């Protein structure tokens, strides 16, 4: 399998493992939002951009939606200043730059 296929397989298992990471609470540390949630948001957002189909109807998708729905983050993601709508995830010259809404 090529590198891209290996990444998709890895991304699929990541989406499934989130439920164990979150546990019973809505956030990584239970009921309290911590910096770990923001680190997870960044990582999982990258995984979801690489393989969106791997995140459909999963605990990872629910987690991302929950974090992105926090008022301050929701305002950012909906604003014209949201860099997630225009910047690549990786370097533009990389094999997979990760342009938003492009494959």
N, C-alpha and C. Protein backbone atom coordinates (compact mmCIF):
# COMPACT_ATOMS: atom_id res chain seq x y z
N UNK A 1 0.84 -1.19 0.00
CA UNK A 1 0.00 0.00 0.00
C UNK A 1 0.88 1.24 0.00
N UNK A 2 0.42 2.25 -0.70
CA UNK A 2 1.16 3.50 -0.77
C UNK A 2 1.00 4.31 0.50
N UNK A 3 1.78 5.37 0.56
CA UNK A 3 1.77 6.23 1.74
C UNK A 3 0.39 6.82 2.00
N UNK A 4 -0.28 7.26 0.93
CA UNK A 4 -1.61 7.85 1.10
C UNK A 4 -2.59 6.82 1.66
N UNK A 5 -2.54 5.60 1.16
CA UNK A 5 -3.45 4.56 1.64
C UNK A 5 -3.16 4.22 3.10
N UNK A 6 -1.89 4.20 3.48
CA UNK A 6 -1.52 3.93 4.87
C UNK A 6 -2.07 5.04 5.78
N UNK A 7 -2.02 6.26 5.29
CA UNK A 7 -2.54 7.39 6.08
C UNK A 7 -4.05 7.28 6.25
N UNK A 8 -4.75 6.85 5.22
CA UNK A 8 -6.21 6.69 5.31
C UNK A 8 -6.54 5.61 6.34
N UNK A 9 -5.85 4.50 6.31
CA UNK A 9 -6.09 3.42 7.27
C UNK A 9 -5.81 3.91 8.68
N UNK A 10 -4.72 4.64 8.86
CA UNK A 10 -4.38 5.20 10.17
C UNK A 10 -5.44 6.18 10.64
N UNK A 11 -5.93 7.00 9.72
CA UNK A 11 -6.96 7.98 10.04
C UNK A 11 -8.25 7.29 10.46
N UNK A 12 -8.59 6.19 9.80
CA UNK A 12 -9.81 5.46 10.16
C UNK A 12 -9.72 4.94 11.59
N UNK A 13 -8.57 4.41 11.99
CA UNK A 13 -8.45 3.90 13.35
C UNK A 13 -8.45 5.05 14.36
N UNK A 14 -7.91 6.20 13.96
CA UNK A 14 -7.92 7.37 14.85
C UNK A 14 -9.36 7.78 15.15
N UNK A 15 -10.19 7.80 14.12
CA UNK A 15 -11.58 8.17 14.31
C UNK A 15 -12.29 7.25 15.28
N UNK A 16 -11.93 5.98 15.27
CA UNK A 16 -12.55 5.01 16.15
C UNK A 16 -12.02 5.10 17.59
N UNK A 17 -10.77 5.52 17.75
CA UNK A 17 -10.14 5.56 19.07
C UNK A 17 -10.57 6.77 19.91
N UNK A 18 -11.19 7.73 19.30
CA UNK A 18 -11.56 8.96 20.00
C UNK A 18 -12.51 8.68 21.15
N UNK A 19 -13.41 7.75 20.97
CA UNK A 19 -14.37 7.43 22.04
C UNK A 19 -13.64 7.04 23.33
N UNK A 20 -12.57 6.26 23.23
CA UNK A 20 -11.80 5.89 24.40
C UNK A 20 -11.04 7.07 24.98
N UNK A 21 -10.62 7.98 24.12
CA UNK A 21 -9.89 9.17 24.56
C UNK A 21 -10.80 10.11 25.34
N UNK A 22 -12.02 10.28 24.88
CA UNK A 22 -12.95 11.20 25.51
C UNK A 22 -13.54 10.59 26.78
N UNK A 23 -13.82 9.31 26.75
CA UNK A 23 -14.41 8.66 27.91
C UNK A 23 -15.86 9.07 28.09
N UNK A 24 -16.27 9.31 29.34
CA UNK A 24 -17.66 9.63 29.65
C UNK A 24 -18.00 11.11 29.53
N UNK A 25 -16.99 11.96 29.54
CA UNK A 25 -17.25 13.40 29.51
C UNK A 25 -17.30 13.96 28.10
N UNK A 26 -17.78 15.16 27.99
CA UNK A 26 -17.83 15.77 26.66
C UNK A 26 -16.44 16.20 26.17
N UNK A 27 -15.47 16.29 27.10
CA UNK A 27 -14.12 16.74 26.75
C UNK A 27 -13.10 15.72 27.20
N UNK A 28 -11.86 15.93 26.85
CA UNK A 28 -10.79 14.98 27.16
C UNK A 28 -10.64 14.76 28.67
N UNK A 29 -10.81 15.80 29.46
CA UNK A 29 -10.67 15.68 30.92
C UNK A 29 -12.01 15.56 31.63
N UNK A 30 -13.02 15.11 30.93
CA UNK A 30 -14.35 14.97 31.52
C UNK A 30 -15.22 16.16 31.20
N UNK A 31 -15.74 16.81 32.24
CA UNK A 31 -16.65 17.93 32.04
C UNK A 31 -15.93 19.26 31.83
N UNK A 32 -14.61 19.27 32.07
CA UNK A 32 -13.86 20.52 32.00
C UNK A 32 -13.05 20.61 30.70
N UNK A 33 -13.20 21.73 30.01
CA UNK A 33 -12.44 22.00 28.79
C UNK A 33 -11.00 22.35 29.16
N UNK A 34 -10.02 21.70 28.50
CA UNK A 34 -8.61 21.97 28.77
C UNK A 34 -7.86 22.19 27.46
N UNK A 35 -6.58 22.54 27.58
CA UNK A 35 -5.76 22.76 26.39
C UNK A 35 -5.64 21.49 25.55
N UNK A 36 -5.78 20.32 26.17
CA UNK A 36 -5.72 19.06 25.44
C UNK A 36 -6.82 18.99 24.39
N UNK A 37 -7.97 19.56 24.70
CA UNK A 37 -9.07 19.57 23.73
C UNK A 37 -8.71 20.38 22.49
N UNK A 38 -7.95 21.44 22.68
CA UNK A 38 -7.55 22.26 21.53
C UNK A 38 -6.47 21.57 20.70
N UNK A 39 -5.60 20.83 21.38
CA UNK A 39 -4.61 20.03 20.66
C UNK A 39 -5.31 18.92 19.87
N UNK A 40 -6.28 18.28 20.47
CA UNK A 40 -7.03 17.23 19.80
C UNK A 40 -7.83 17.80 18.62
N UNK A 41 -8.39 18.99 18.80
CA UNK A 41 -9.12 19.65 17.72
C UNK A 41 -8.23 19.84 16.50
N UNK A 42 -7.03 20.32 16.72
CA UNK A 42 -6.10 20.55 15.61
C UNK A 42 -5.75 19.23 14.91
N UNK A 43 -5.38 18.23 15.70
CA UNK A 43 -4.99 16.94 15.14
C UNK A 43 -6.15 16.28 14.39
N UNK A 44 -7.29 16.21 15.03
CA UNK A 44 -8.44 15.54 14.41
C UNK A 44 -8.95 16.30 13.19
N UNK A 45 -8.85 17.62 13.21
CA UNK A 45 -9.25 18.40 12.03
C UNK A 45 -8.38 18.05 10.83
N UNK A 46 -7.08 17.86 11.07
CA UNK A 46 -6.18 17.46 9.99
C UNK A 46 -6.53 16.07 9.48
N UNK A 47 -6.78 15.15 10.40
CA UNK A 47 -7.17 13.80 9.99
C UNK A 47 -8.46 13.82 9.19
N UNK A 48 -9.43 14.60 9.65
CA UNK A 48 -10.72 14.68 8.96
C UNK A 48 -10.57 15.31 7.58
N UNK A 49 -9.65 16.25 7.43
CA UNK A 49 -9.43 16.87 6.12
C UNK A 49 -8.81 15.87 5.16
N UNK A 50 -7.94 15.00 5.66
CA UNK A 50 -7.28 14.02 4.81
C UNK A 50 -8.23 12.92 4.37
N UNK A 51 -9.10 12.49 5.27
CA UNK A 51 -10.01 11.39 4.97
C UNK A 51 -11.38 11.66 5.58
N UNK A 52 -12.15 12.59 4.99
CA UNK A 52 -13.45 12.97 5.57
C UNK A 52 -14.41 11.79 5.75
N UNK A 53 -14.37 10.84 4.83
CA UNK A 53 -15.29 9.70 4.92
C UNK A 53 -15.01 8.84 6.15
N UNK A 54 -13.78 8.89 6.66
CA UNK A 54 -13.44 8.12 7.85
C UNK A 54 -14.05 8.69 9.12
N UNK A 55 -14.51 9.93 9.05
CA UNK A 55 -15.01 10.61 10.24
C UNK A 55 -16.53 10.75 10.25
N UNK A 56 -17.18 10.29 9.21
CA UNK A 56 -18.64 10.42 9.16
C UNK A 56 -19.27 9.51 10.21
N UNK A 57 -20.18 10.07 10.98
CA UNK A 57 -20.94 9.31 11.99
C UNK A 57 -20.06 8.58 12.99
N UNK A 58 -19.03 9.26 13.48
CA UNK A 58 -18.14 8.67 14.47
C UNK A 58 -18.09 9.54 15.72
N UNK A 59 -17.50 8.99 16.77
CA UNK A 59 -17.29 9.78 17.99
C UNK A 59 -16.37 10.96 17.70
N UNK A 60 -15.44 10.79 16.76
CA UNK A 60 -14.53 11.88 16.39
C UNK A 60 -15.30 13.04 15.77
N UNK A 61 -16.25 12.73 14.90
CA UNK A 61 -17.05 13.79 14.28
C UNK A 61 -17.88 14.52 15.33
N UNK A 62 -18.47 13.77 16.25
CA UNK A 62 -19.24 14.39 17.33
C UNK A 62 -18.36 15.29 18.19
N UNK A 63 -17.15 14.82 18.49
CA UNK A 63 -16.21 15.59 19.30
C UNK A 63 -15.82 16.88 18.59
N UNK A 64 -15.47 16.78 17.30
CA UNK A 64 -15.11 17.98 16.54
C UNK A 64 -16.27 18.97 16.50
N UNK A 65 -17.46 18.48 16.26
CA UNK A 65 -18.63 19.36 16.24
C UNK A 65 -18.85 20.05 17.59
N UNK A 66 -18.67 19.29 18.65
CA UNK A 66 -18.87 19.84 20.00
C UNK A 66 -17.85 20.95 20.29
N UNK A 67 -16.58 20.71 19.96
CA UNK A 67 -15.55 21.72 20.21
C UNK A 67 -15.74 22.93 19.31
N UNK A 68 -16.02 22.69 18.04
CA UNK A 68 -16.19 23.80 17.10
C UNK A 68 -17.47 24.59 17.36
N UNK A 69 -18.37 24.05 18.16
CA UNK A 69 -19.61 24.75 18.49
C UNK A 69 -19.48 25.64 19.73
N UNK A 70 -18.34 25.59 20.40
CA UNK A 70 -18.13 26.51 21.52
C UNK A 70 -18.22 27.93 20.97
N UNK A 71 -18.90 28.83 21.68
CA UNK A 71 -19.20 30.16 21.11
C UNK A 71 -18.02 30.89 20.47
N UNK A 72 -16.89 30.98 21.13
CA UNK A 72 -15.76 31.72 20.56
C UNK A 72 -15.21 31.02 19.31
N UNK A 73 -15.14 29.69 19.35
CA UNK A 73 -14.65 28.96 18.18
C UNK A 73 -15.66 29.01 17.04
N UNK A 74 -16.92 28.92 17.37
CA UNK A 74 -17.94 28.99 16.33
C UNK A 74 -17.86 30.34 15.60
N UNK A 75 -17.68 31.41 16.36
CA UNK A 75 -17.53 32.74 15.74
C UNK A 75 -16.31 32.77 14.83
N UNK A 76 -15.20 32.19 15.28
CA UNK A 76 -13.99 32.16 14.46
C UNK A 76 -14.20 31.37 13.18
N UNK A 77 -14.73 30.15 13.30
CA UNK A 77 -14.91 29.30 12.12
C UNK A 77 -15.89 29.90 11.12
N UNK A 78 -16.82 30.71 11.58
CA UNK A 78 -17.79 31.33 10.68
C UNK A 78 -17.32 32.69 10.16
N UNK A 79 -16.21 33.20 10.67
CA UNK A 79 -15.74 34.53 10.27
C UNK A 79 -14.92 34.47 8.98
N UNK A 80 -14.76 35.62 8.37
CA UNK A 80 -13.94 35.70 7.17
C UNK A 80 -12.45 35.62 7.51
N UNK A 81 -12.11 35.73 8.79
CA UNK A 81 -10.72 35.62 9.23
C UNK A 81 -10.29 34.19 9.52
N UNK A 82 -11.16 33.25 9.30
CA UNK A 82 -10.86 31.85 9.58
C UNK A 82 -9.84 31.33 8.56
N UNK A 83 -8.62 31.10 9.02
CA UNK A 83 -7.57 30.62 8.12
C UNK A 83 -7.78 29.18 7.71
N UNK A 84 -8.65 28.45 8.39
CA UNK A 84 -8.93 27.07 8.03
C UNK A 84 -9.62 26.97 6.68
N UNK A 85 -10.13 28.08 6.18
CA UNK A 85 -10.80 28.09 4.89
C UNK A 85 -9.89 28.45 3.73
N UNK A 86 -8.65 28.87 4.03
CA UNK A 86 -7.79 29.34 2.95
C UNK A 86 -6.35 28.83 3.00
N UNK A 87 -5.86 28.39 4.13
CA UNK A 87 -4.47 27.94 4.23
C UNK A 87 -4.38 26.43 4.09
N UNK A 88 -3.24 25.96 3.62
CA UNK A 88 -3.01 24.52 3.54
C UNK A 88 -2.63 23.99 4.92
N UNK A 89 -2.81 22.70 5.09
CA UNK A 89 -2.41 22.04 6.34
C UNK A 89 -0.90 21.81 6.31
N UNK A 90 -0.41 21.30 5.20
CA UNK A 90 1.01 21.05 5.01
C UNK A 90 1.59 22.09 4.07
N UNK A 91 2.87 22.01 3.81
CA UNK A 91 3.50 22.95 2.88
C UNK A 91 2.85 22.83 1.50
N UNK A 92 2.64 23.95 0.81
CA UNK A 92 1.97 23.90 -0.50
C UNK A 92 2.66 23.01 -1.52
N UNK A 93 3.96 22.77 -1.38
CA UNK A 93 4.70 21.94 -2.33
C UNK A 93 4.75 20.47 -1.93
N UNK A 94 4.12 20.10 -0.82
CA UNK A 94 4.15 18.71 -0.37
C UNK A 94 3.27 17.83 -1.26
N UNK A 95 3.42 16.52 -1.11
CA UNK A 95 2.65 15.58 -1.93
C UNK A 95 1.15 15.77 -1.70
N UNK A 96 0.75 16.03 -0.47
CA UNK A 96 -0.65 16.34 -0.15
C UNK A 96 -0.66 17.60 0.70
N UNK A 97 -0.86 18.79 0.06
CA UNK A 97 -0.81 20.02 0.81
C UNK A 97 -1.99 20.22 1.76
N UNK A 98 -3.13 19.63 1.46
CA UNK A 98 -4.28 19.77 2.34
C UNK A 98 -5.03 21.07 2.16
N UNK A 99 -5.17 21.48 0.91
CA UNK A 99 -5.98 22.68 0.65
C UNK A 99 -7.40 22.42 1.12
N UNK A 100 -8.01 23.40 1.77
CA UNK A 100 -9.41 23.23 2.19
C UNK A 100 -10.32 23.01 0.98
N UNK A 101 -11.21 22.06 1.14
CA UNK A 101 -12.23 21.76 0.13
C UNK A 101 -11.65 21.33 -1.21
N UNK A 102 -10.41 20.80 -1.23
CA UNK A 102 -9.81 20.28 -2.43
C UNK A 102 -9.17 18.94 -2.08
N UNK A 103 -9.16 18.04 -3.02
CA UNK A 103 -8.50 16.74 -2.81
C UNK A 103 -7.35 16.59 -3.77
